[in-house]
Amino acid sequence: MHIEAIVQGFTKMKGDIAAERRAYERVWNEREKNLDLVMRITTQVFGSIKGIAGCAIGLVQSLYIRNRVYRSPHLSKSTEIHNGRW
């Protein structure tokens, strides 16, 4: 019957979309983990350089956030912000 074939086609399409969504979510999750890691490492490197260079190095405004704690959902550690900095 034609209606049954149409319904089967839609059902397959829905299944394909669900599988594609899961695949993309895995990719996006991995990218988010990588971004969180790079941000944390960048902040740590800046802190090390700032510790050595002191006032000779300028501020990086994008690393400054007020009264927040950076908690990555993908990393086991959180980076607490002291005096508005990571």
N, C-alpha and C. Protein backbone atom coordinates (compact mmCIF):
# COMPACT_ATOMS: atom_id res chain seq x y z
N MET A 1 0.84 -1.18 0.00
CA MET A 1 0.00 0.00 0.00
C MET A 1 0.89 1.25 0.00
N HIS A 2 0.47 2.27 -0.70
CA HIS A 2 1.26 3.49 -0.86
C HIS A 2 1.42 4.26 0.45
N ILE A 3 0.37 4.34 1.25
CA ILE A 3 0.44 5.07 2.52
C ILE A 3 1.47 4.43 3.44
N GLU A 4 1.49 3.12 3.49
CA GLU A 4 2.46 2.42 4.34
C GLU A 4 3.89 2.72 3.89
N ALA A 5 4.12 2.77 2.60
CA ALA A 5 5.45 3.08 2.08
C ALA A 5 5.85 4.50 2.45
N ILE A 6 4.89 5.42 2.39
CA ILE A 6 5.17 6.81 2.77
C ILE A 6 5.54 6.89 4.24
N VAL A 7 4.76 6.23 5.09
CA VAL A 7 5.03 6.24 6.54
C VAL A 7 6.39 5.61 6.82
N GLN A 8 6.72 4.52 6.15
CA GLN A 8 8.03 3.90 6.34
C GLN A 8 9.16 4.84 5.93
N GLY A 9 8.94 5.56 4.85
CA GLY A 9 9.94 6.53 4.40
C GLY A 9 10.16 7.63 5.44
N PHE A 10 9.07 8.16 5.98
CA PHE A 10 9.18 9.19 7.02
C PHE A 10 9.84 8.64 8.29
N THR A 11 9.50 7.41 8.64
CA THR A 11 10.08 6.79 9.83
C THR A 11 11.59 6.61 9.66
N LYS A 12 12.01 6.19 8.48
CA LYS A 12 13.44 6.05 8.21
C LYS A 12 14.14 7.40 8.26
N MET A 13 13.51 8.40 7.66
CA MET A 13 14.10 9.74 7.69
C MET A 13 14.26 10.23 9.13
N LYS A 14 13.26 9.99 9.96
CA LYS A 14 13.33 10.42 11.37
C LYS A 14 14.47 9.69 12.09
N GLY A 15 14.62 8.41 11.82
CA GLY A 15 15.72 7.65 12.41
C GLY A 15 17.08 8.15 11.95
N ASP A 16 17.18 8.49 10.67
CA ASP A 16 18.43 9.03 10.13
C ASP A 16 18.79 10.36 10.78
N ILE A 17 17.78 11.20 10.96
CA ILE A 17 18.01 12.50 11.60
C ILE A 17 18.47 12.31 13.04
N ALA A 18 17.86 11.39 13.76
CA ALA A 18 18.25 11.13 15.16
C ALA A 18 19.69 10.62 15.22
N ALA A 19 20.07 9.74 14.32
CA ALA A 19 21.44 9.23 14.29
C ALA A 19 22.44 10.34 13.95
N GLU A 20 22.05 11.18 13.00
CA GLU A 20 22.91 12.30 12.63
C GLU A 20 23.07 13.27 13.79
N ARG A 21 21.97 13.54 14.52
CA ARG A 21 22.02 14.43 15.67
C ARG A 21 22.99 13.89 16.73
N ARG A 22 22.91 12.59 17.01
CA ARG A 22 23.82 11.99 18.00
C ARG A 22 25.27 12.12 17.55
N ALA A 23 25.52 11.89 16.27
CA ALA A 23 26.89 12.00 15.75
C ALA A 23 27.42 13.42 15.88
N TYR A 24 26.61 14.41 15.51
CA TYR A 24 27.04 15.80 15.64
C TYR A 24 27.22 16.21 17.10
N GLU A 25 26.37 15.73 17.96
CA GLU A 25 26.50 16.07 19.38
C GLU A 25 27.80 15.51 19.95
N ARG A 26 28.23 14.33 19.49
CA ARG A 26 29.52 13.79 19.93
C ARG A 26 30.66 14.69 19.46
N VAL A 27 30.59 15.12 18.20
CA VAL A 27 31.62 16.01 17.64
C VAL A 27 31.64 17.33 18.40
N TRP A 28 30.46 17.92 18.62
CA TRP A 28 30.38 19.21 19.33
C TRP A 28 30.87 19.07 20.76
N ASN A 29 30.56 17.96 21.41
CA ASN A 29 31.01 17.74 22.78
C ASN A 29 32.54 17.68 22.84
N GLU A 30 33.15 17.01 21.87
CA GLU A 30 34.60 16.92 21.82
C GLU A 30 35.21 18.30 21.57
N ARG A 31 34.62 19.07 20.68
CA ARG A 31 35.12 20.43 20.43
C ARG A 31 35.01 21.30 21.67
N GLU A 32 33.90 21.17 22.39
CA GLU A 32 33.71 21.95 23.61
C GLU A 32 34.75 21.59 24.66
N LYS A 33 35.06 20.31 24.79
CA LYS A 33 36.11 19.87 25.71
C LYS A 33 37.44 20.50 25.33
N ASN A 34 37.76 20.47 24.05
CA ASN A 34 39.02 21.05 23.58
C ASN A 34 39.09 22.55 23.84
N LEU A 35 37.99 23.26 23.59
CA LEU A 35 37.97 24.70 23.85
C LEU A 35 38.15 25.00 25.33
N ASP A 36 37.48 24.23 26.19
CA ASP A 36 37.63 24.42 27.63
C ASP A 36 39.07 24.20 28.07
N LEU A 37 39.69 23.16 27.54
CA LEU A 37 41.07 22.86 27.90
C LEU A 37 42.02 23.97 27.43
N VAL A 38 41.85 24.42 26.20
CA VAL A 38 42.71 25.48 25.66
C VAL A 38 42.53 26.77 26.46
N MET A 39 41.31 27.09 26.84
CA MET A 39 41.07 28.31 27.62
C MET A 39 41.74 28.21 28.98
N ARG A 40 41.64 27.05 29.61
CA ARG A 40 42.26 26.87 30.92
C ARG A 40 43.78 26.96 30.82
N ILE A 41 44.35 26.31 29.82
CA ILE A 41 45.81 26.35 29.65
C ILE A 41 46.28 27.77 29.32
N THR A 42 45.54 28.47 28.47
CA THR A 42 45.90 29.85 28.12
C THR A 42 45.91 30.73 29.37
N THR A 43 44.91 30.55 30.21
CA THR A 43 44.83 31.32 31.45
C THR A 43 46.01 31.00 32.36
N GLN A 44 46.37 29.73 32.45
CA GLN A 44 47.51 29.34 33.29
C GLN A 44 48.83 29.89 32.74
N VAL A 45 49.00 29.86 31.43
CA VAL A 45 50.22 30.39 30.81
C VAL A 45 50.31 31.90 31.06
N PHE A 46 49.19 32.60 30.88
CA PHE A 46 49.19 34.04 31.15
C PHE A 46 49.55 34.32 32.61
N GLY A 47 48.99 33.54 33.52
CA GLY A 47 49.31 33.71 34.95
C GLY A 47 50.79 33.51 35.22
N SER A 48 51.38 32.51 34.59
CA SER A 48 52.82 32.26 34.77
C SER A 48 53.66 33.41 34.24
N ILE A 49 53.30 33.89 33.05
CA ILE A 49 54.04 35.02 32.46
C ILE A 49 53.86 36.26 33.32
N LYS A 50 52.64 36.50 33.79
CA LYS A 50 52.36 37.66 34.64
C LYS A 50 53.16 37.57 35.94
N GLY A 51 53.29 36.34 36.47
CA GLY A 51 54.07 36.16 37.69
C GLY A 51 55.54 36.49 37.50
N ILE A 52 56.07 36.22 36.32
CA ILE A 52 57.47 36.51 36.02
C ILE A 52 57.66 37.97 35.64
N ALA A 53 56.81 38.46 34.74
CA ALA A 53 56.99 39.80 34.18
C ALA A 53 56.37 40.89 35.05
N GLY A 54 55.43 40.52 35.90
CA GLY A 54 54.79 41.51 36.76
C GLY A 54 54.05 42.56 35.96
N CYS A 55 54.28 43.82 36.33
CA CYS A 55 53.58 44.94 35.69
C CYS A 55 54.05 45.22 34.27
N ALA A 56 55.16 44.58 33.87
CA ALA A 56 55.68 44.81 32.52
C ALA A 56 54.75 44.25 31.45
N ILE A 57 53.91 43.33 31.82
CA ILE A 57 52.96 42.77 30.86
C ILE A 57 51.59 43.38 31.11
N GLY A 58 50.94 43.75 30.04
CA GLY A 58 49.63 44.38 30.15
C GLY A 58 48.53 43.40 30.49
N LEU A 59 47.36 43.94 30.70
CA LEU A 59 46.20 43.12 31.00
C LEU A 59 45.60 42.55 29.72
N VAL A 60 45.05 41.39 29.83
CA VAL A 60 44.29 40.78 28.74
C VAL A 60 42.85 40.77 29.23
N GLN A 61 42.09 41.75 28.78
CA GLN A 61 40.74 41.95 29.29
C GLN A 61 39.86 40.71 29.13
N SER A 62 40.04 39.97 28.07
CA SER A 62 39.17 38.81 27.84
C SER A 62 39.41 37.71 28.87
N LEU A 63 40.49 37.78 29.63
CA LEU A 63 40.74 36.79 30.69
C LEU A 63 40.16 37.24 32.03
N TYR A 64 39.63 38.43 32.08
CA TYR A 64 39.10 38.97 33.33
C TYR A 64 37.58 38.87 33.36
N ILE A 65 37.08 38.28 34.39
CA ILE A 65 35.63 38.15 34.59
C ILE A 65 35.38 38.49 36.06
N ARG A 66 34.33 39.20 36.33
CA ARG A 66 34.06 39.60 37.71
C ARG A 66 33.20 38.58 38.44
N ASN A 67 33.66 38.23 39.64
CA ASN A 67 32.88 37.43 40.59
C ASN A 67 32.28 36.16 39.99
N ARG A 68 33.06 35.43 39.27
CA ARG A 68 32.59 34.16 38.71
C ARG A 68 33.63 33.08 38.93
N VAL A 69 33.19 31.87 38.84
CA VAL A 69 34.10 30.73 38.88
C VAL A 69 33.94 30.00 37.56
N TYR A 70 35.06 29.80 36.88
CA TYR A 70 35.04 29.08 35.62
C TYR A 70 35.00 27.60 35.93
N ARG A 71 33.91 26.97 35.62
CA ARG A 71 33.77 25.53 35.83
C ARG A 71 33.47 24.87 34.50
N SER A 72 34.43 24.14 34.01
CA SER A 72 34.20 23.42 32.78
C SER A 72 33.42 22.16 33.08
N PRO A 73 32.40 21.87 32.32
CA PRO A 73 31.67 20.63 32.53
C PRO A 73 32.49 19.41 32.12
N HIS A 74 33.61 19.64 31.42
CA HIS A 74 34.39 18.54 30.88
C HIS A 74 35.69 18.30 31.63
N LEU A 75 36.10 19.22 32.47
CA LEU A 75 37.34 19.07 33.19
C LEU A 75 37.05 18.85 34.66
N SER A 76 37.88 18.07 35.30
CA SER A 76 37.62 17.74 36.69
C SER A 76 37.93 18.91 37.63
N LYS A 77 38.79 19.80 37.21
CA LYS A 77 39.16 20.93 38.07
C LYS A 77 38.38 22.17 37.68
N SER A 78 38.17 23.03 38.65
CA SER A 78 37.61 24.33 38.33
C SER A 78 38.68 25.37 38.61
N THR A 79 38.64 26.43 37.87
CA THR A 79 39.59 27.51 38.05
C THR A 79 38.85 28.64 38.75
N GLU A 80 39.20 28.90 39.98
CA GLU A 80 38.52 29.95 40.72
C GLU A 80 39.12 31.29 40.34
N ILE A 81 38.28 32.28 40.37
CA ILE A 81 38.70 33.62 40.03
C ILE A 81 38.93 34.40 41.32
N HIS A 82 40.11 34.97 41.45
CA HIS A 82 40.44 35.79 42.60
C HIS A 82 40.61 37.23 42.15
N ASN A 83 39.96 38.13 42.83
CA ASN A 83 40.01 39.56 42.48
C ASN A 83 39.58 39.79 41.04
N GLY A 84 38.60 39.05 40.60
CA GLY A 84 38.07 39.25 39.26
C GLY A 84 38.89 38.62 38.16
N ARG A 85 39.91 37.80 38.51
CA ARG A 85 40.75 37.18 37.48
C ARG A 85 40.72 35.67 37.63
N TRP A 86 40.99 34.99 36.53
CA TRP A 86 41.09 33.54 36.57
C TRP A 86 42.41 33.19 37.18
